[in-house]
Amino acid sequence: MANNTYKLPESQGSGLFGWLDRFLRIDATISQVIHVRFLPQILFVTLLSVFYIGNRHYADKTIREITVLEREVDELRADYMTLKADYMLATKRSEVARNARKIGLQKSEVPPLKILVPKQ
């Protein structure tokens, strides 16, 4: 009966990963577990993991900024409503008359006169 064995390729291959396999002195124990031919897959998964982690941090940061801006909008809306109510109260005729009395103005008792200019 034959034994199942892992057959290594005879040539080292060309390109970046063949160069890595030839010039990096990988221990025999590590090379049995992680062969350089699996390096592209490992690097791809590592790159995806780093991208995923960075994207998640960016999303969390954006959510925190949105929350802060929503709080500021709520505060500004409350200030706007308060100022609008104060303005509506201050423009009432009775309020205007009361504020005018404080600076010495009073309501005229004589009705206004209409000036007519004759046409020539």
PDB file of N, CA and C in Angstrom:
ATOM      1  N   MET A   1       0.837  -1.167   0.000  1.00  0.00           N
ATOM      2  CA  MET A   1       0.000   0.000   0.000  1.00  0.00           C
ATOM      3  C   MET A   1       0.889   1.241   0.000  1.00  0.00           C
ATOM      4  N   ALA A   2       0.459   2.270  -0.720  1.00  0.00           N
ATOM      5  CA  ALA A   2       1.252   3.494  -0.854  1.00  0.00           C
ATOM      6  C   ALA A   2       0.878   4.485   0.239  1.00  0.00           C
ATOM      7  N   ASN A   3       1.830   5.278   0.637  1.00  0.00           N
ATOM      8  CA  ASN A   3       1.595   6.327   1.634  1.00  0.00           C
ATOM      9  C   ASN A   3       1.228   7.622   0.926  1.00  0.00           C
ATOM     10  N   ASN A   4       0.339   8.390   1.552  1.00  0.00           N
ATOM     11  CA  ASN A   4       0.001   9.713   1.038  1.00  0.00           C
ATOM     12  C   ASN A   4       1.122  10.672   1.413  1.00  0.00           C
ATOM     13  N   THR A   5       1.654  11.352   0.435  1.00  0.00           N
ATOM     14  CA  THR A   5       2.725  12.315   0.698  1.00  0.00           C
ATOM     15  C   THR A   5       2.427  13.606  -0.033  1.00  0.00           C
ATOM     16  N   TYR A   6       3.032  14.659   0.465  1.00  0.00           N
ATOM     17  CA  TYR A   6       2.902  15.969  -0.162  1.00  0.00           C
ATOM     18  C   TYR A   6       4.078  16.126  -1.108  1.00  0.00           C
ATOM     19  N   LYS A   7       3.787  16.408  -2.356  1.00  0.00           N
ATOM     20  CA  LYS A   7       4.831  16.497  -3.365  1.00  0.00           C
ATOM     21  C   LYS A   7       5.157  17.967  -3.615  1.00  0.00           C
ATOM     22  N   LEU A   8       6.413  18.346  -3.390  1.00  0.00           N
ATOM     23  CA  LEU A   8       6.858  19.713  -3.625  1.00  0.00           C
ATOM     24  C   LEU A   8       7.198  19.892  -5.092  1.00  0.00           C
ATOM     25  N   PRO A   9       6.907  21.057  -5.647  1.00  0.00           N
ATOM     26  CA  PRO A   9       7.273  21.296  -7.040  1.00  0.00           C
ATOM     27  C   PRO A   9       8.796  21.330  -7.188  1.00  0.00           C
ATOM     28  N   GLU A  10       9.283  20.856  -8.360  1.00  0.00           N
ATOM     29  CA  GLU A  10      10.725  20.826  -8.578  1.00  0.00           C
ATOM     30  C   GLU A  10      11.302  22.217  -8.772  1.00  0.00           C
ATOM     31  N   SER A  11      10.613  23.069  -9.511  1.00  0.00           N
ATOM     32  CA  SER A  11      11.139  24.413  -9.762  1.00  0.00           C
ATOM     33  C   SER A  11      10.615  25.361  -8.692  1.00  0.00           C
ATOM     34  N   GLN A  12      11.402  26.362  -8.429  1.00  0.00           N
ATOM     35  CA  GLN A  12      11.034  27.327  -7.408  1.00  0.00           C
ATOM     36  C   GLN A  12      10.002  28.330  -7.935  1.00  0.00           C
ATOM     37  N   GLY A  13       9.824  28.437  -9.205  1.00  0.00           N
ATOM     38  CA  GLY A  13       8.876  29.383  -9.773  1.00  0.00           C
ATOM     39  C   GLY A  13       9.541  30.718 -10.026  1.00  0.00           C
ATOM     40  N   SER A  14       8.841  31.550 -10.724  1.00  0.00           N
ATOM     41  CA  SER A  14       9.387  32.865 -11.027  1.00  0.00           C
ATOM     42  C   SER A  14       8.504  33.917 -10.393  1.00  0.00           C
ATOM     43  N   GLY A  15       8.952  35.103 -10.415  1.00  0.00           N
ATOM     44  CA  GLY A  15       8.176  36.195  -9.863  1.00  0.00           C
ATOM     45  C   GLY A  15       8.584  36.496  -8.432  1.00  0.00           C
ATOM     46  N   LEU A  16       7.778  37.309  -7.805  1.00  0.00           N
ATOM     47  CA  LEU A  16       8.069  37.788  -6.459  1.00  0.00           C
ATOM     48  C   LEU A  16       8.103  36.651  -5.455  1.00  0.00           C
ATOM     49  N   PHE A  17       7.129  35.763  -5.525  1.00  0.00           N
ATOM     50  CA  PHE A  17       7.036  34.712  -4.514  1.00  0.00           C
ATOM     51  C   PHE A  17       8.084  33.625  -4.731  1.00  0.00           C
ATOM     52  N   GLY A  18       8.492  33.388  -5.952  1.00  0.00           N
ATOM     53  CA  GLY A  18       9.616  32.496  -6.196  1.00  0.00           C
ATOM     54  C   GLY A  18      10.906  33.081  -5.645  1.00  0.00           C
ATOM     55  N   TRP A  19      11.080  34.380  -5.807  1.00  0.00           N
ATOM     56  CA  TRP A  19      12.233  35.073  -5.252  1.00  0.00           C
ATOM     57  C   TRP A  19      12.237  34.980  -3.733  1.00  0.00           C
ATOM     58  N   LEU A  20      11.051  35.183  -3.121  1.00  0.00           N
ATOM     59  CA  LEU A  20      10.956  35.067  -1.666  1.00  0.00           C
ATOM     60  C   LEU A  20      11.305  33.659  -1.208  1.00  0.00           C
ATOM     61  N   ASP A  21      10.832  32.672  -1.941  1.00  0.00           N
ATOM     62  CA  ASP A  21      11.098  31.286  -1.574  1.00  0.00           C
ATOM     63  C   ASP A  21      12.590  30.975  -1.658  1.00  0.00           C
ATOM     64  N   ARG A  22      13.269  31.523  -2.646  1.00  0.00           N
ATOM     65  CA  ARG A  22      14.692  31.237  -2.819  1.00  0.00           C
ATOM     66  C   ARG A  22      15.569  31.984  -1.821  1.00  0.00           C
ATOM     67  N   PHE A  23      15.259  33.244  -1.545  1.00  0.00           N
ATOM     68  CA  PHE A  23      16.178  34.071  -0.770  1.00  0.00           C
ATOM     69  C   PHE A  23      15.835  34.189   0.707  1.00  0.00           C
ATOM     70  N   LEU A  24      14.609  33.921   1.084  1.00  0.00           N
ATOM     71  CA  LEU A  24      14.292  33.927   2.510  1.00  0.00           C
ATOM     72  C   LEU A  24      14.593  32.546   3.064  1.00  0.00           C
ATOM     73  N   ARG A  25      15.394  32.493   4.056  1.00  0.00           N
ATOM     74  CA  ARG A  25      15.756  31.220   4.662  1.00  0.00           C
ATOM     75  C   ARG A  25      14.689  30.870   5.697  1.00  0.00           C
ATOM     76  N   ILE A  26      13.695  30.144   5.256  1.00  0.00           N
ATOM     77  CA  ILE A  26      12.613  29.751   6.145  1.00  0.00           C
ATOM     78  C   ILE A  26      12.996  28.437   6.802  1.00  0.00           C
ATOM     79  N   ASP A  27      12.766  28.348   8.081  1.00  0.00           N
ATOM     80  CA  ASP A  27      13.053  27.134   8.834  1.00  0.00           C
ATOM     81  C   ASP A  27      12.333  25.946   8.208  1.00  0.00           C
ATOM     82  N   ALA A  28      12.888  24.783   8.365  1.00  0.00           N
ATOM     83  CA  ALA A  28      12.257  23.582   7.795  1.00  0.00           C
ATOM     84  C   ALA A  28      10.928  23.294   8.471  1.00  0.00           C
ATOM     85  N   THR A  29      10.807  23.588   9.745  1.00  0.00           N
ATOM     86  CA  THR A  29       9.546  23.324  10.447  1.00  0.00           C
ATOM     87  C   THR A  29       8.461  24.290   9.998  1.00  0.00           C
ATOM     88  N   ILE A  30       8.835  25.543   9.802  1.00  0.00           N
ATOM     89  CA  ILE A  30       7.850  26.523   9.340  1.00  0.00           C
ATOM     90  C   ILE A  30       7.500  26.271   7.891  1.00  0.00           C
ATOM     91  N   SER A  31       8.474  25.882   7.097  1.00  0.00           N
ATOM     92  CA  SER A  31       8.200  25.666   5.679  1.00  0.00           C
ATOM     93  C   SER A  31       7.274  24.474   5.466  1.00  0.00           C
ATOM     94  N   GLN A  32       7.217  23.544   6.405  1.00  0.00           N
ATOM     95  CA  GLN A  32       6.276  22.427   6.277  1.00  0.00           C
ATOM     96  C   GLN A  32       4.858  22.901   6.564  1.00  0.00           C
ATOM     97  N   VAL A  33       4.721  23.856   7.468  1.00  0.00           N
ATOM     98  CA  VAL A  33       3.388  24.343   7.840  1.00  0.00           C
ATOM     99  C   VAL A  33       2.917  25.415   6.864  1.00  0.00           C
ATOM    100  N   ILE A  34       3.731  26.427   6.658  1.00  0.00           N
ATOM    101  CA  ILE A  34       3.366  27.544   5.778  1.00  0.00           C
ATOM    102  C   ILE A  34       4.403  27.590   4.668  1.00  0.00           C
ATOM    103  N   HIS A  35       4.033  27.131   3.548  1.00  0.00           N
ATOM    104  CA  HIS A  35       4.940  27.162   2.407  1.00  0.00           C
ATOM    105  C   HIS A  35       4.784  28.502   1.708  1.00  0.00           C
ATOM    106  N   VAL A  36       5.834  28.943   1.067  1.00  0.00           N
ATOM    107  CA  VAL A  36       5.810  30.246   0.407  1.00  0.00           C
ATOM    108  C   VAL A  36       4.777  30.279  -0.702  1.00  0.00           C
ATOM    109  N   ARG A  37       4.385  29.144  -1.198  1.00  0.00           N
ATOM    110  CA  ARG A  37       3.384  29.167  -2.267  1.00  0.00           C
ATOM    111  C   ARG A  37       2.017  29.587  -1.746  1.00  0.00           C
ATOM    112  N   PHE A  38       1.824  29.519  -0.424  1.00  0.00           N
ATOM    113  CA  PHE A  38       0.572  29.995   0.163  1.00  0.00           C
ATOM    114  C   PHE A  38       0.648  31.466   0.546  1.00  0.00           C
ATOM    115  N   LEU A  39       1.786  32.084   0.344  1.00  0.00           N
ATOM    116  CA  LEU A  39       1.985  33.472   0.730  1.00  0.00           C
ATOM    117  C   LEU A  39       1.026  34.436   0.023  1.00  0.00           C
ATOM    118  N   PRO A  40       0.707  34.273  -1.258  1.00  0.00           N
ATOM    119  CA  PRO A  40      -0.260  35.205  -1.869  1.00  0.00           C
ATOM    120  C   PRO A  40      -1.625  35.166  -1.187  1.00  0.00           C
ATOM    121  N   GLN A  41      -2.098  33.972  -0.846  1.00  0.00           N
ATOM    122  CA  GLN A  41      -3.385  33.867  -0.175  1.00  0.00           C
ATOM    123  C   GLN A  41      -3.326  34.486   1.220  1.00  0.00           C
ATOM    124  N   ILE A  42      -2.219  34.242   1.917  1.00  0.00           N
ATOM    125  CA  ILE A  42      -2.072  34.793   3.262  1.00  0.00           C
ATOM    126  C   ILE A  42      -2.012  36.322   3.198  1.00  0.00           C
ATOM    127  N   LEU A  43      -1.268  36.858   2.257  1.00  0.00           N
ATOM    128  CA  LEU A  43      -1.184  38.316   2.111  1.00  0.00           C
ATOM    129  C   LEU A  43      -2.528  38.912   1.700  1.00  0.00           C
ATOM    130  N   PHE A  44      -3.252  38.226   0.856  1.00  0.00           N
ATOM    131  CA  PHE A  44      -4.570  38.718   0.433  1.00  0.00           C
ATOM    132  C   PHE A  44      -5.533  38.771   1.616  1.00  0.00           C
ATOM    133  N   VAL A  45      -5.559  37.714   2.407  1.00  0.00           N
ATOM    134  CA  VAL A  45      -6.445  37.694   3.581  1.00  0.00           C
ATOM    135  C   VAL A  45      -6.005  38.747   4.595  1.00  0.00           C
ATOM    136  N   THR A  46      -4.701  38.925   4.749  1.00  0.00           N
ATOM    137  CA  THR A  46      -4.196  39.957   5.659  1.00  0.00           C
ATOM    138  C   THR A  46      -4.602  41.345   5.182  1.00  0.00           C
ATOM    139  N   LEU A  47      -4.481  41.592   3.889  1.00  0.00           N
ATOM    140  CA  LEU A  47      -4.871  42.881   3.329  1.00  0.00           C
ATOM    141  C   LEU A  47      -6.368  43.136   3.509  1.00  0.00           C
ATOM    142  N   LEU A  48      -7.163  42.113   3.268  1.00  0.00           N
ATOM    143  CA  LEU A  48      -8.606  42.265   3.477  1.00  0.00           C
ATOM    144  C   LEU A  48      -8.926  42.547   4.944  1.00  0.00           C
ATOM    145  N   SER A  49      -8.225  41.878   5.842  1.00  0.00           N
ATOM    146  CA  SER A  49      -8.460  42.093   7.274  1.00  0.00           C
ATOM    147  C   SER A  49      -8.103  43.514   7.688  1.00  0.00           C
ATOM    148  N   VAL A  50      -6.963  44.002   7.206  1.00  0.00           N
ATOM    149  CA  VAL A  50      -6.559  45.373   7.531  1.00  0.00           C
ATOM    150  C   VAL A  50      -7.555  46.366   6.952  1.00  0.00           C
ATOM    151  N   PHE A  51      -8.001  46.136   5.739  1.00  0.00           N
ATOM    152  CA  PHE A  51      -8.997  47.020   5.123  1.00  0.00           C
ATOM    153  C   PHE A  51     -10.304  47.002   5.913  1.00  0.00           C
ATOM    154  N   TYR A  52     -10.743  45.827   6.346  1.00  0.00           N
ATOM    155  CA  TYR A  52     -11.979  45.697   7.115  1.00  0.00           C
ATOM    156  C   TYR A  52     -11.862  46.444   8.447  1.00  0.00           C
ATOM    157  N   ILE A  53     -10.748  46.278   9.135  1.00  0.00           N
ATOM    158  CA  ILE A  53     -10.558  46.946  10.421  1.00  0.00           C
ATOM    159  C   ILE A  53     -10.523  48.463  10.234  1.00  0.00           C
ATOM    160  N   GLY A  54      -9.808  48.927   9.226  1.00  0.00           N
ATOM    161  CA  GLY A  54      -9.757  50.367   8.965  1.00  0.00           C
ATOM    162  C   GLY A  54     -11.113  50.932   8.599  1.00  0.00           C
ATOM    163  N   ASN A  55     -11.862  50.198   7.795  1.00  0.00           N
ATOM    164  CA  ASN A  55     -13.195  50.644   7.399  1.00  0.00           C
ATOM    165  C   ASN A  55     -14.121  50.718   8.609  1.00  0.00           C
ATOM    166  N   ARG A  56     -14.004  49.769   9.510  1.00  0.00           N
ATOM    167  CA  ARG A  56     -14.848  49.754  10.707  1.00  0.00           C
ATOM    168  C   ARG A  56     -14.513  50.943  11.608  1.00  0.00           C
ATOM    169  N   HIS A  57     -13.219  51.242  11.767  1.00  0.00           N
ATOM    170  CA  HIS A  57     -12.826  52.400  12.574  1.00  0.00           C
ATOM    171  C   HIS A  57     -13.350  53.694  11.947  1.00  0.00           C
ATOM    172  N   TYR A  58     -13.266  53.796  10.633  1.00  0.00           N
ATOM    173  CA  TYR A  58     -13.768  54.987   9.944  1.00  0.00           C
ATOM    174  C   TYR A  58     -15.281  55.122  10.137  1.00  0.00           C
ATOM    175  N   ALA A  59     -16.004  54.003  10.061  1.00  0.00           N
ATOM    176  CA  ALA A  59     -17.452  54.040  10.251  1.00  0.00           C
ATOM    177  C   ALA A  59     -17.806  54.459  11.677  1.00  0.00           C
ATOM    178  N   ASP A  60     -17.090  53.927  12.673  1.00  0.00           N
ATOM    179  CA  ASP A  60     -17.352  54.310  14.062  1.00  0.00           C
ATOM    180  C   ASP A  60     -17.091  55.795  14.284  1.00  0.00           C
ATOM    181  N   LYS A  61     -16.002  56.299  13.706  1.00  0.00           N
ATOM    182  CA  LYS A  61     -15.673  57.718  13.837  1.00  0.00           C
ATOM    183  C   LYS A  61     -16.762  58.582  13.206  1.00  0.00           C
ATOM    184  N   THR A  62     -17.239  58.173  12.041  1.00  0.00           N
ATOM    185  CA  THR A  62     -18.293  58.927  11.359  1.00  0.00           C
ATOM    186  C   THR A  62     -19.590  58.916  12.168  1.00  0.00           C
ATOM    187  N   ILE A  63     -19.917  57.777  12.763  1.00  0.00           N
ATOM    188  CA  ILE A  63     -21.135  57.690  13.581  1.00  0.00           C
ATOM    189  C   ILE A  63     -21.023  58.601  14.796  1.00  0.00           C
ATOM    190  N   ARG A  64     -19.846  58.647  15.429  1.00  0.00           N
ATOM    191  CA  ARG A  64     -19.657  59.545  16.573  1.00  0.00           C
ATOM    192  C   ARG A  64     -19.809  61.001  16.145  1.00  0.00           C
ATOM    193  N   GLU A  65     -19.265  61.373  14.997  1.00  0.00           N
ATOM    194  CA  GLU A  65     -19.390  62.752  14.513  1.00  0.00           C
ATOM    195  C   GLU A  65     -20.851  63.096  14.215  1.00  0.00           C
ATOM    196  N   ILE A  66     -21.579  62.157  13.636  1.00  0.00           N
ATOM    197  CA  ILE A  66     -23.001  62.392  13.334  1.00  0.00           C
ATOM    198  C   ILE A  66     -23.788  62.589  14.621  1.00  0.00           C
ATOM    199  N   THR A  67     -23.488  61.802  15.650  1.00  0.00           N
ATOM    200  CA  THR A  67     -24.182  61.928  16.929  1.00  0.00           C
ATOM    201  C   THR A  67     -23.921  63.297  17.550  1.00  0.00           C
ATOM    202  N   VAL A  68     -22.676  63.752  17.510  1.00  0.00           N
ATOM    203  CA  VAL A  68     -22.344  65.071  18.062  1.00  0.00           C
ATOM    204  C   VAL A  68     -23.080  66.160  17.290  1.00  0.00           C
ATOM    205  N   LEU A  69     -23.104  66.055  15.967  1.00  0.00           N
ATOM    206  CA  LEU A  69     -23.792  67.070  15.160  1.00  0.00           C
ATOM    207  C   LEU A  69     -25.295  67.059  15.395  1.00  0.00           C
ATOM    208  N   GLU A  70     -25.882  65.887  15.605  1.00  0.00           N
ATOM    209  CA  GLU A  70     -27.318  65.826  15.899  1.00  0.00           C
ATOM    210  C   GLU A  70     -27.634  66.517  17.219  1.00  0.00           C
ATOM    211  N   ARG A  71     -26.769  66.323  18.227  1.00  0.00           N
ATOM    212  CA  ARG A  71     -26.985  67.022  19.505  1.00  0.00           C
ATOM    213  C   ARG A  71     -26.899  68.533  19.315  1.00  0.00           C
ATOM    214  N   GLU A  72     -25.908  68.992  18.543  1.00  0.00           N
ATOM    215  CA  GLU A  72     -25.776  70.429  18.298  1.00  0.00           C
ATOM    216  C   GLU A  72     -26.988  70.981  17.564  1.00  0.00           C
ATOM    217  N   VAL A  73     -27.511  70.226  16.600  1.00  0.00           N
ATOM    218  CA  VAL A  73     -28.698  70.674  15.866  1.00  0.00           C
ATOM    219  C   VAL A  73     -29.887  70.775  16.803  1.00  0.00           C
ATOM    220  N   ASP A  74     -30.047  69.807  17.710  1.00  0.00           N
ATOM    221  CA  ASP A  74     -31.161  69.861  18.662  1.00  0.00           C
ATOM    222  C   ASP A  74     -31.046  71.090  19.566  1.00  0.00           C
ATOM    223  N   GLU A  75     -29.824  71.382  20.041  1.00  0.00           N
ATOM    224  CA  GLU A  75     -29.628  72.559  20.880  1.00  0.00           C
ATOM    225  C   GLU A  75     -29.912  73.842  20.101  1.00  0.00           C
ATOM    226  N   LEU A  76     -29.435  73.920  18.872  1.00  0.00           N
ATOM    227  CA  LEU A  76     -29.681  75.115  18.065  1.00  0.00           C
ATOM    228  C   LEU A  76     -31.159  75.276  17.732  1.00  0.00           C
ATOM    229  N   ARG A  77     -31.853  74.160  17.496  1.00  0.00           N
ATOM    230  CA  ARG A  77     -33.291  74.239  17.228  1.00  0.00           C
ATOM    231  C   ARG A  77     -34.034  74.759  18.454  1.00  0.00           C
ATOM    232  N   ALA A  78     -33.635  74.304  19.646  1.00  0.00           N
ATOM    233  CA  ALA A  78     -34.270  74.793  20.868  1.00  0.00           C
ATOM    234  C   ALA A  78     -33.999  76.290  21.050  1.00  0.00           C
ATOM    235  N   ASP A  79     -32.772  76.727  20.800  1.00  0.00           N
ATOM    236  CA  ASP A  79     -32.453  78.153  20.885  1.00  0.00           C
ATOM    237  C   ASP A  79     -33.271  78.957  19.881  1.00  0.00           C
ATOM    238  N   TYR A  80     -33.406  78.437  18.672  1.00  0.00           N
ATOM    239  CA  TYR A  80     -34.176  79.129  17.638  1.00  0.00           C
ATOM    240  C   TYR A  80     -35.638  79.283  18.059  1.00  0.00           C
ATOM    241  N   MET A  81     -36.219  78.221  18.587  1.00  0.00           N
ATOM    242  CA  MET A  81     -37.627  78.302  18.994  1.00  0.00           C
ATOM    243  C   MET A  81     -37.813  79.298  20.144  1.00  0.00           C
ATOM    244  N   THR A  82     -36.873  79.330  21.070  1.00  0.00           N
ATOM    245  CA  THR A  82     -36.958  80.280  22.183  1.00  0.00           C
ATOM    246  C   THR A  82     -36.849  81.711  21.672  1.00  0.00           C
ATOM    247  N   LEU A  83     -35.854  81.953  20.809  1.00  0.00           N
ATOM    248  CA  LEU A  83     -35.688  83.309  20.275  1.00  0.00           C
ATOM    249  C   LEU A  83     -36.874  83.732  19.416  1.00  0.00           C
ATOM    250  N   LYS A  84     -37.441  82.803  18.678  1.00  0.00           N
ATOM    251  CA  LYS A  84     -38.605  83.124  17.852  1.00  0.00           C
ATOM    252  C   LYS A  84     -39.801  83.501  18.721  1.00  0.00           C
ATOM    253  N   ALA A  85     -39.999  82.774  19.819  1.00  0.00           N
ATOM    254  CA  ALA A  85     -41.101  83.095  20.730  1.00  0.00           C
ATOM    255  C   ALA A  85     -40.880  84.455  21.379  1.00  0.00           C
ATOM    256  N   ASP A  86     -39.641  84.739  21.780  1.00  0.00           N
ATOM    257  CA  ASP A  86     -39.340  86.056  22.364  1.00  0.00           C
ATOM    258  C   ASP A  86     -39.568  87.173  21.353  1.00  0.00           C
ATOM    259  N   TYR A  87     -39.181  86.948  20.118  1.00  0.00           N
ATOM    260  CA  TYR A  87     -39.363  87.960  19.074  1.00  0.00           C
ATOM    261  C   TYR A  87     -40.847  88.189  18.807  1.00  0.00           C
ATOM    262  N   MET A  88     -41.620  87.122  18.763  1.00  0.00           N
ATOM    263  CA  MET A  88     -43.060  87.268  18.520  1.00  0.00           C
ATOM    264  C   MET A  88     -43.722  88.053  19.656  1.00  0.00           C
ATOM    265  N   LEU A  89     -43.267  87.819  20.877  1.00  0.00           N
ATOM    266  CA  LEU A  89     -43.817  88.565  22.012  1.00  0.00           C
ATOM    267  C   LEU A  89     -43.389  90.034  21.952  1.00  0.00           C
ATOM    268  N   ALA A  90     -42.136  90.301  21.574  1.00  0.00           N
ATOM    269  CA  ALA A  90     -41.620  91.670  21.561  1.00  0.00           C
ATOM    270  C   ALA A  90     -42.228  92.510  20.449  1.00  0.00           C
ATOM    271  N   THR A  91     -42.808  91.905  19.425  1.00  0.00           N
ATOM    272  CA  THR A  91     -43.361  92.689  18.329  1.00  0.00           C
ATOM    273  C   THR A  91     -44.862  92.957  18.481  1.00  0.00           C
ATOM    274  N   LYS A  92     -45.430  92.549  19.594  1.00  0.00           N
ATOM    275  CA  LYS A  92     -46.840  92.885  19.826  1.00  0.00           C
ATOM    276  C   LYS A  92     -46.962  94.394  20.028  1.00  0.00           C
ATOM    277  N   ARG A  93     -48.108  94.923  19.668  1.00  0.00           N
ATOM    278  CA  ARG A  93     -48.333  96.370  19.743  1.00  0.00           C
ATOM    279  C   ARG A  93     -48.220  96.870  21.182  1.00  0.00           C
ATOM    280  N   SER A  94     -48.742  96.116  22.127  1.00  0.00           N
ATOM    281  CA  SER A  94     -48.682  96.545  23.526  1.00  0.00           C
ATOM    282  C   SER A  94     -47.241  96.542  24.033  1.00  0.00           C
ATOM    283  N   GLU A  95     -46.428  95.548  23.625  1.00  0.00           N
ATOM    284  CA  GLU A  95     -45.026  95.492  24.047  1.00  0.00           C
ATOM    285  C   GLU A  95     -44.221  96.642  23.438  1.00  0.00           C
ATOM    286  N   VAL A  96     -44.519  96.962  22.181  1.00  0.00           N
ATOM    287  CA  VAL A  96     -43.821  98.071  21.533  1.00  0.00           C
ATOM    288  C   VAL A  96     -44.164  99.376  22.245  1.00  0.00           C
ATOM    289  N   ALA A  97     -45.431  99.559  22.605  1.00  0.00           N
ATOM    290  CA  ALA A  97     -45.844 100.785  23.308  1.00  0.00           C
ATOM    291  C   ALA A  97     -45.181 100.855  24.684  1.00  0.00           C
ATOM    292  N   ARG A  98     -45.099  99.743  25.396  1.00  0.00           N
ATOM    293  CA  ARG A  98     -44.469  99.723  26.722  1.00  0.00           C
ATOM    294  C   ARG A  98     -42.973 100.058  26.609  1.00  0.00           C
ATOM    295  N   ASN A  99     -42.306  99.508  25.614  1.00  0.00           N
ATOM    296  CA  ASN A  99     -40.872  99.802  25.435  1.00  0.00           C
ATOM    297  C   ASN A  99     -40.647 101.245  24.982  1.00  0.00           C
ATOM    298  N   ALA A 100     -41.590 101.794  24.211  1.00  0.00           N
ATOM    299  CA  ALA A 100     -41.472 103.188  23.769  1.00  0.00           C
ATOM    300  C   ALA A 100     -41.653 104.138  24.953  1.00  0.00           C
ATOM    301  N   ARG A 101     -42.540 103.800  25.898  1.00  0.00           N
ATOM    302  CA  ARG A 101     -42.736 104.644  27.076  1.00  0.00           C
ATOM    303  C   ARG A 101     -41.472 104.719  27.930  1.00  0.00           C
ATOM    304  N   LYS A 102     -40.693 103.618  27.932  1.00  0.00           N
ATOM    305  CA  LYS A 102     -39.458 103.595  28.733  1.00  0.00           C
ATOM    306  C   LYS A 102     -38.441 104.629  28.231  1.00  0.00           C
ATOM    307  N   ILE A 103     -38.427 104.894  26.943  1.00  0.00           N
ATOM    308  CA  ILE A 103     -37.457 105.867  26.404  1.00  0.00           C
ATOM    309  C   ILE A 103     -38.063 107.254  26.224  1.00  0.00           C
ATOM    310  N   GLY A 104     -39.320 107.454  26.698  1.00  0.00           N
ATOM    311  CA  GLY A 104     -39.914 108.790  26.692  1.00  0.00           C
ATOM    312  C   GLY A 104     -40.877 109.055  25.551  1.00  0.00           C
ATOM    313  N   LEU A 105     -41.200 108.091  24.748  1.00  0.00           N
ATOM    314  CA  LEU A 105     -42.165 108.285  23.667  1.00  0.00           C
ATOM    315  C   LEU A 105     -43.551 107.929  24.179  1.00  0.00           C
ATOM    316  N   GLN A 106     -44.544 108.632  23.641  1.00  0.00           N
ATOM    317  CA  GLN A 106     -45.921 108.315  24.030  1.00  0.00           C
ATOM    318  C   GLN A 106     -46.823 108.368  22.817  1.00  0.00           C
ATOM    319  N   LYS A 107     -48.005 107.810  22.994  1.00  0.00           N
ATOM    320  CA  LYS A 107     -48.951 107.741  21.895  1.00  0.00           C
ATOM    321  C   LYS A 107     -49.510 109.141  21.619  1.00  0.00           C
ATOM    322  N   SER A 108     -49.589 109.479  20.354  1.00  0.00           N
ATOM    323  CA  SER A 108     -50.092 110.796  19.970  1.00  0.00           C
ATOM    324  C   SER A 108     -51.608 110.823  20.119  1.00  0.00           C
ATOM    325  N   GLU A 109     -52.109 111.930  20.691  1.00  0.00           N
ATOM    326  CA  GLU A 109     -53.552 112.103  20.873  1.00  0.00           C
ATOM    327  C   GLU A 109     -54.189 112.764  19.655  1.00  0.00           C
ATOM    328  N   VAL A 110     -53.379 113.453  18.865  1.00  0.00           N
ATOM    329  CA  VAL A 110     -53.878 114.150  17.684  1.00  0.00           C
ATOM    330  C   VAL A 110     -53.732 113.212  16.488  1.00  0.00           C
ATOM    331  N   PRO A 111     -54.823 113.036  15.718  1.00  0.00           N
ATOM    332  CA  PRO A 111     -54.700 112.161  14.554  1.00  0.00           C
ATOM    333  C   PRO A 111     -53.788 112.798  13.499  1.00  0.00           C
ATOM    334  N   PRO A 112     -53.200 112.009  12.665  1.00  0.00           N
ATOM    335  CA  PRO A 112     -52.303 112.567  11.647  1.00  0.00           C
ATOM    336  C   PRO A 112     -53.077 113.410  10.631  1.00  0.00           C
ATOM    337  N   LEU A 113     -52.394 114.424  10.091  1.00  0.00           N
ATOM    338  CA  LEU A 113     -53.003 115.289   9.093  1.00  0.00           C
ATOM    339  C   LEU A 113     -52.602 114.819   7.702  1.00  0.00           C
ATOM    340  N   LYS A 114     -53.539 114.978   6.789  1.00  0.00           N
ATOM    341  CA  LYS A 114     -53.260 114.612   5.418  1.00  0.00           C
ATOM    342  C   LYS A 114     -52.946 115.894   4.656  1.00  0.00           C
ATOM    343  N   ILE A 115     -51.812 115.942   4.031  1.00  0.00           N
ATOM    344  CA  ILE A 115     -51.385 117.108   3.290  1.00  0.00           C
ATOM    345  C   ILE A 115     -51.719 116.878   1.835  1.00  0.00           C
ATOM    346  N   LEU A 116     -52.516 117.810   1.271  1.00  0.00           N
ATOM    347  CA  LEU A 116     -52.878 117.732  -0.115  1.00  0.00           C
ATOM    348  C   LEU A 116     -52.105 118.795  -0.898  1.00  0.00           C
ATOM    349  N   VAL A 117     -51.485 118.381  -1.961  1.00  0.00           N
ATOM    350  CA  VAL A 117     -50.756 119.310  -2.807  1.00  0.00           C
ATOM    351  C   VAL A 117     -51.595 119.487  -4.074  1.00  0.00           C
ATOM    352  N   PRO A 118     -52.013 120.754  -4.361  1.00  0.00           N
ATOM    353  CA  PRO A 118     -52.833 120.949  -5.570  1.00  0.00           C
ATOM    354  C   PRO A 118     -52.009 120.759  -6.834  1.00  0.00           C
ATOM    355  N   LYS A 119     -52.615 120.174  -7.822  1.00  0.00           N
ATOM    356  CA  LYS A 119     -51.941 120.010  -9.113  1.00  0.00           C
ATOM    357  C   LYS A 119     -52.027 121.323  -9.877  1.00  0.00           C
ATOM    358  N   GLN A 120     -50.978 121.708 -10.539  1.00  0.00           N
ATOM    359  CA  GLN A 120     -50.976 122.980 -11.267  1.00  0.00           C
ATOM    360  C   GLN A 120     -51.384 122.801 -12.696  1.00  0.00           C
TER     361      GLN A 120
END
